[in-house]
């Protein structure tokens, strides 16, 4: 029997570059998170959509954080990269991670933190929102169930609600200042963005936390394609609430710094 020749369409396809295997990358900045990082990694491994590459950015840790991430890579259901950012500060770690991912083929970027627990549908919701035309997606944050009792979780909900209200009412956030989109609550530990938009706005401010509001306002000056996705849920650590108290945590989220407190517990 004479072998058949490949159809012309097949030959043409063979000459085209293969698409990136994992255009979605999940970036997790981590500083001294050896105790909590395994829970975050397990939550990512339990996602319903695991078609992504994970990047853990070790931000000057001395407690074995990077070693734990590399050990997880041996059993992870997706590719895992681990890089080091020696410049302390969540902004520096996130910016280094996003730019590394883009340089390695990422077109979609999602971020959570090394003390957070993304719910199982988190990555799927992030991808769907970006595929539907959003440039930046802001998810919903809830308190982790394992760090505080009902009163602590209620206090956390109150803080999130107050922060969202303050952001909407703050005079500096009004659209007359050049913003194209209204302000909406944005938590850096639960976000997704296109690589193109990330580069267009100049990236994450390379500074210690809080960086979320500054970054959101960069995006608001660039586009109206900002979406809130309620199905994109992350269990947020309440360590800061325990360390700072209600008033101190509110001060932090108002960008007033840690006050009398030392290093951010997160």
Protein backbone atom coordinates (compact mmCIF):
# COMPACT_ATOMS: atom_id res chain seq x y z
CA UNK A 1 0.00 0.00 0.00
CA UNK A 2 1.37 3.42 -0.91
CA UNK A 3 1.50 5.79 2.06
CA UNK A 4 -0.68 8.84 1.65
CA UNK A 5 0.93 12.24 1.63
CA UNK A 6 -0.06 14.77 4.28
CA UNK A 7 -2.74 17.20 3.25
CA UNK A 8 -1.55 20.71 2.43
CA UNK A 9 -3.32 22.08 5.49
CA UNK A 10 -1.35 19.71 7.71
CA UNK A 11 1.89 20.80 6.12
CA UNK A 12 1.03 24.44 6.67
CA UNK A 13 0.19 23.76 10.31
CA UNK A 14 3.56 22.09 10.81
CA UNK A 15 5.31 25.31 9.81
CA UNK A 16 3.45 27.47 12.29
CA UNK A 17 4.99 27.96 15.74
CA UNK A 18 3.30 25.89 18.42
CA UNK A 19 1.18 27.92 20.84
CA UNK A 20 2.45 28.38 24.37
CA UNK A 21 1.61 25.31 26.41
CA UNK A 22 0.53 27.32 29.47
CA UNK A 23 -0.36 30.92 28.59
CA UNK A 24 -1.84 31.37 32.09
CA UNK A 25 0.73 31.75 34.86
CA UNK A 26 -0.08 31.98 38.57
CA UNK A 27 2.41 34.05 40.55
CA UNK A 28 2.80 33.62 44.32
CA UNK A 29 5.14 36.03 46.15
CA UNK A 30 6.41 34.54 49.42
CA UNK A 31 8.42 35.96 52.30
CA UNK A 32 9.06 33.73 55.32
CA UNK A 33 6.03 31.57 54.52
CA UNK A 34 7.33 28.06 55.20
CA UNK A 35 4.47 27.45 57.64
CA UNK A 36 1.63 28.51 55.33
CA UNK A 37 2.95 28.03 51.80
CA UNK A 38 2.16 24.27 51.71
CA UNK A 39 -1.53 25.02 52.22
CA UNK A 40 -1.51 27.51 49.37
CA UNK A 41 0.27 25.06 47.07
CA UNK A 42 -2.19 22.29 47.93
CA UNK A 43 -5.11 24.66 47.21
CA UNK A 44 -3.63 25.42 43.80
CA UNK A 45 -3.14 21.72 43.10
CA UNK A 46 -6.84 21.21 43.89
CA UNK A 47 -8.05 23.70 41.24
CA UNK A 48 -10.63 22.49 38.75
CA UNK A 49 -8.59 24.22 36.01
CA UNK A 50 -4.93 23.27 36.38
CA UNK A 51 -3.82 24.27 32.91
CA UNK A 52 -1.37 26.89 34.18
CA UNK A 53 2.24 27.32 35.18
CA UNK A 54 2.98 28.22 38.79
CA UNK A 55 5.73 30.66 39.72
CA UNK A 56 6.76 31.07 43.37
CA UNK A 57 8.85 34.19 44.02
CA UNK A 58 10.93 33.75 47.15
CA UNK A 59 11.29 37.27 48.54
CA UNK A 60 14.48 37.10 50.65
CA UNK A 61 13.20 34.30 52.91
CA UNK A 62 15.49 32.54 55.39
CA UNK A 63 13.07 29.85 56.58
CA UNK A 64 13.14 27.34 53.73
CA UNK A 65 10.27 28.81 51.72
CA UNK A 66 12.05 28.24 48.39
CA UNK A 67 13.02 24.70 49.37
CA UNK A 68 9.39 23.83 50.07
CA UNK A 69 8.32 25.22 46.70
CA UNK A 70 10.96 23.18 44.88
CA UNK A 71 9.92 20.04 46.74
CA UNK A 72 6.30 20.67 45.73
CA UNK A 73 7.42 20.97 42.10
CA UNK A 74 8.36 17.29 42.14
CA UNK A 75 4.72 16.25 42.61
CA UNK A 76 2.77 19.21 41.24
CA UNK A 77 0.13 18.60 38.54
CA UNK A 78 1.46 21.60 36.57
CA UNK A 79 4.88 23.12 35.78
CA UNK A 80 6.46 25.00 38.69
CA UNK A 81 9.18 27.66 38.58
CA UNK A 82 10.90 29.12 41.66
CA UNK A 83 12.84 32.37 41.47
CA UNK A 84 14.42 34.61 44.10
CA UNK A 85 13.86 38.35 44.49
CA UNK A 86 16.35 39.72 47.05
CA UNK A 87 14.78 43.20 47.19
CA UNK A 88 12.36 43.05 50.13
CA UNK A 89 8.82 44.16 49.37
CA UNK A 90 5.74 42.53 47.92
CA UNK A 91 5.70 44.99 45.02
CA UNK A 92 9.20 43.99 43.99
CA UNK A 93 8.40 40.28 44.29
CA UNK A 94 5.21 40.55 42.26
CA UNK A 95 6.78 42.71 39.57
CA UNK A 96 9.74 40.34 39.22
CA UNK A 97 7.37 37.37 39.04
CA UNK A 98 5.03 38.88 36.45
CA UNK A 99 7.89 40.01 34.24
CA UNK A 100 9.56 36.60 34.48
CA UNK A 101 6.29 34.92 33.49
CA UNK A 102 5.80 37.26 30.53
CA UNK A 103 9.35 36.63 29.37
CA UNK A 104 8.59 32.90 29.44
CA UNK A 105 5.43 33.11 27.35
CA UNK A 106 2.63 34.13 29.72
CA UNK A 107 -0.22 36.06 28.14
CA UNK A 108 -2.53 35.84 31.18
CA UNK A 109 -1.39 36.41 34.76
CA UNK A 110 -3.05 35.62 38.07
CA UNK A 111 -1.77 36.25 41.57
CA UNK A 112 -2.47 35.03 45.04
CA UNK A 113 -0.32 35.16 48.18
CA UNK A 114 1.57 32.47 50.05
CA UNK A 115 -0.76 32.63 53.07
CA UNK A 116 -4.00 32.42 51.07
CA UNK A 117 -6.27 29.55 50.07
CA UNK A 118 -7.77 29.94 46.58
CA UNK A 119 -11.12 28.16 46.30
CA UNK A 120 -11.22 25.28 43.78
CA UNK A 121 -12.80 27.31 40.97
CA UNK A 122 -10.43 30.26 41.34
CA UNK A 123 -8.17 29.75 38.33
CA UNK A 124 -11.09 28.78 36.09
CA UNK A 125 -12.97 31.96 37.02
CA UNK A 126 -9.87 34.09 36.42
CA UNK A 127 -9.29 32.58 32.99
CA UNK A 128 -12.94 32.90 31.98
CA UNK A 129 -13.08 36.58 32.95
CA UNK A 130 -9.91 37.41 31.03
CA UNK A 131 -11.05 35.38 28.01
CA UNK A 132 -14.31 37.34 28.07
CA UNK A 133 -12.51 40.63 27.52
CA UNK A 134 -11.51 41.90 30.95
CA UNK A 135 -8.07 43.45 31.22
CA UNK A 136 -7.95 43.32 35.03
CA UNK A 137 -10.06 41.02 37.19
CA UNK A 138 -10.65 41.65 40.89
CA UNK A 139 -11.83 38.65 42.88
CA UNK A 140 -13.65 38.24 46.20
CA UNK A 141 -11.73 37.80 49.46
CA UNK A 142 -13.06 36.00 52.52
CA UNK A 143 -11.35 35.10 55.78
CA UNK A 144 -9.54 31.79 56.03
CA UNK A 145 -11.58 29.46 58.24
CA UNK A 146 -8.55 28.16 60.16
CA UNK A 147 -7.09 31.36 61.64
CA UNK A 148 -9.98 33.07 63.43
CA UNK A 149 -13.31 32.21 64.94
CA UNK A 150 -16.66 33.68 63.87
CA UNK A 151 -15.93 37.04 65.52
CA UNK A 152 -12.60 37.43 63.71
CA UNK A 153 -14.14 36.49 60.39
CA UNK A 154 -16.95 38.98 60.95
CA UNK A 155 -14.39 41.68 61.74
CA UNK A 156 -12.57 40.83 58.54
CA UNK A 157 -15.77 41.15 56.50
CA UNK A 158 -16.37 44.53 58.13
CA UNK A 159 -12.87 45.72 57.24
CA UNK A 160 -13.23 44.61 53.61
CA UNK A 161 -16.58 46.39 53.35
CA UNK A 162 -15.21 49.58 54.91
CA UNK A 163 -12.17 49.52 52.63
CA UNK A 164 -14.38 49.15 49.57
CA UNK A 165 -16.66 51.99 50.72
CA UNK A 166 -13.71 54.26 51.54
CA UNK A 167 -12.20 53.62 48.12
CA UNK A 168 -15.42 54.59 46.35
CA UNK A 169 -15.92 57.74 48.44
CA UNK A 170 -12.31 58.94 48.60
CA UNK A 171 -12.11 62.26 46.71
CA UNK A 172 -8.74 61.39 45.18
CA UNK A 173 -10.32 58.36 43.47
CA UNK A 174 -13.00 60.31 41.61
CA UNK A 175 -13.02 60.11 37.85
CA UNK A 176 -12.44 63.81 37.40
CA UNK A 177 -8.79 63.08 38.26
CA UNK A 178 -8.30 61.31 34.95
CA UNK A 179 -9.60 57.84 35.80
CA UNK A 180 -11.50 56.06 33.05
CA UNK A 181 -13.30 53.58 35.32
CA UNK A 182 -14.95 53.83 38.73
CA UNK A 183 -13.07 52.58 41.77
CA UNK A 184 -13.80 49.04 42.90
CA UNK A 185 -12.27 46.93 45.65
CA UNK A 186 -9.03 45.32 44.49
CA UNK A 187 -7.08 42.82 46.60
CA UNK A 188 -3.62 42.05 45.28
CA UNK A 189 -3.83 38.52 46.64
CA UNK A 190 -6.78 37.80 44.36
CA UNK A 191 -6.29 39.33 40.94
CA UNK A 192 -5.73 38.48 37.29
CA UNK A 193 -4.53 40.64 34.42
CA UNK A 194 -3.46 40.32 30.81
CA UNK A 195 0.27 40.48 30.20
CA UNK A 196 -0.29 43.24 27.67
CA UNK A 197 -2.12 45.50 30.12
CA UNK A 198 0.41 44.80 32.86
CA UNK A 199 3.20 46.07 30.64
CA UNK A 200 1.18 49.03 29.36
CA UNK A 201 0.65 50.42 32.89
CA UNK A 202 4.29 50.01 33.88
CA UNK A 203 3.84 47.06 36.23
CA UNK A 204 3.44 46.81 39.98
CA UNK A 205 5.00 49.58 42.11
CA UNK A 206 8.27 48.12 43.44
CA UNK A 207 7.71 48.96 47.09
CA UNK A 208 6.54 47.28 50.30
CA UNK A 209 2.85 46.65 50.86
CA UNK A 210 0.33 48.18 50.43
CA UNK A 211 0.64 48.39 46.65
CA UNK A 212 -2.85 47.35 45.58
CA UNK A 213 -4.47 50.79 45.40
CA UNK A 214 -1.55 52.33 43.53
CA UNK A 215 -1.61 49.56 40.95
CA UNK A 216 -5.38 49.68 40.52
CA UNK A 217 -5.23 53.41 39.88
CA UNK A 218 -2.56 52.88 37.22
CA UNK A 219 -4.96 50.51 35.49
CA UNK A 220 -7.93 52.87 35.92
CA UNK A 221 -6.03 55.57 34.06
CA UNK A 222 -5.48 53.19 31.15
CA UNK A 223 -8.70 51.22 30.59
CA UNK A 224 -12.32 50.65 31.53
CA UNK A 225 -11.93 46.87 31.14
CA UNK A 226 -11.90 46.15 34.88
CA UNK A 227 -14.18 43.37 36.10
CA UNK A 228 -15.22 42.05 39.50
CA UNK A 229 -15.62 38.26 39.47
CA UNK A 230 -17.47 36.91 42.51
CA UNK A 231 -16.66 33.29 41.57
CA UNK A 232 -12.96 34.06 41.90
CA UNK A 233 -12.65 33.52 45.67
CA UNK A 234 -9.60 33.44 47.93
CA UNK A 235 -9.46 32.65 51.64
CA UNK A 236 -7.39 35.52 53.06
CA UNK A 237 -5.11 35.33 56.07
CA UNK A 238 -6.27 37.29 59.12
CA UNK A 239 -2.82 37.44 60.73
CA UNK A 240 -2.61 41.19 60.36
CA UNK A 241 -5.92 41.57 62.17
CA UNK A 242 -4.59 39.54 65.08
CA UNK A 243 -1.27 41.41 65.15
CA UNK A 244 -2.53 44.97 64.61
CA UNK A 245 -6.07 44.87 65.95
CA UNK A 246 -9.06 46.34 64.16
CA UNK A 247 -7.89 49.98 64.27
CA UNK A 248 -4.31 49.16 63.31
CA UNK A 249 -5.42 47.01 60.38
CA UNK A 250 -7.73 49.77 59.17
CA UNK A 251 -4.80 52.18 59.39
CA UNK A 252 -2.73 49.82 57.28
CA UNK A 253 -5.37 49.52 54.57
CA UNK A 254 -5.69 53.31 54.49
CA UNK A 255 -2.00 53.37 53.48
CA UNK A 256 -0.88 54.84 56.81
CA UNK A 257 1.77 52.20 57.41
CA UNK A 258 2.20 49.87 60.40
CA UNK A 259 2.27 52.64 63.04
CA UNK A 260 4.03 51.40 66.16
CA UNK A 261 4.26 47.87 64.76
CA UNK A 262 7.35 46.37 63.20
CA UNK A 263 7.56 44.23 60.11
CA UNK A 264 4.28 43.42 58.45
CA UNK A 265 3.19 40.00 59.79
CA UNK A 266 2.20 39.04 56.26
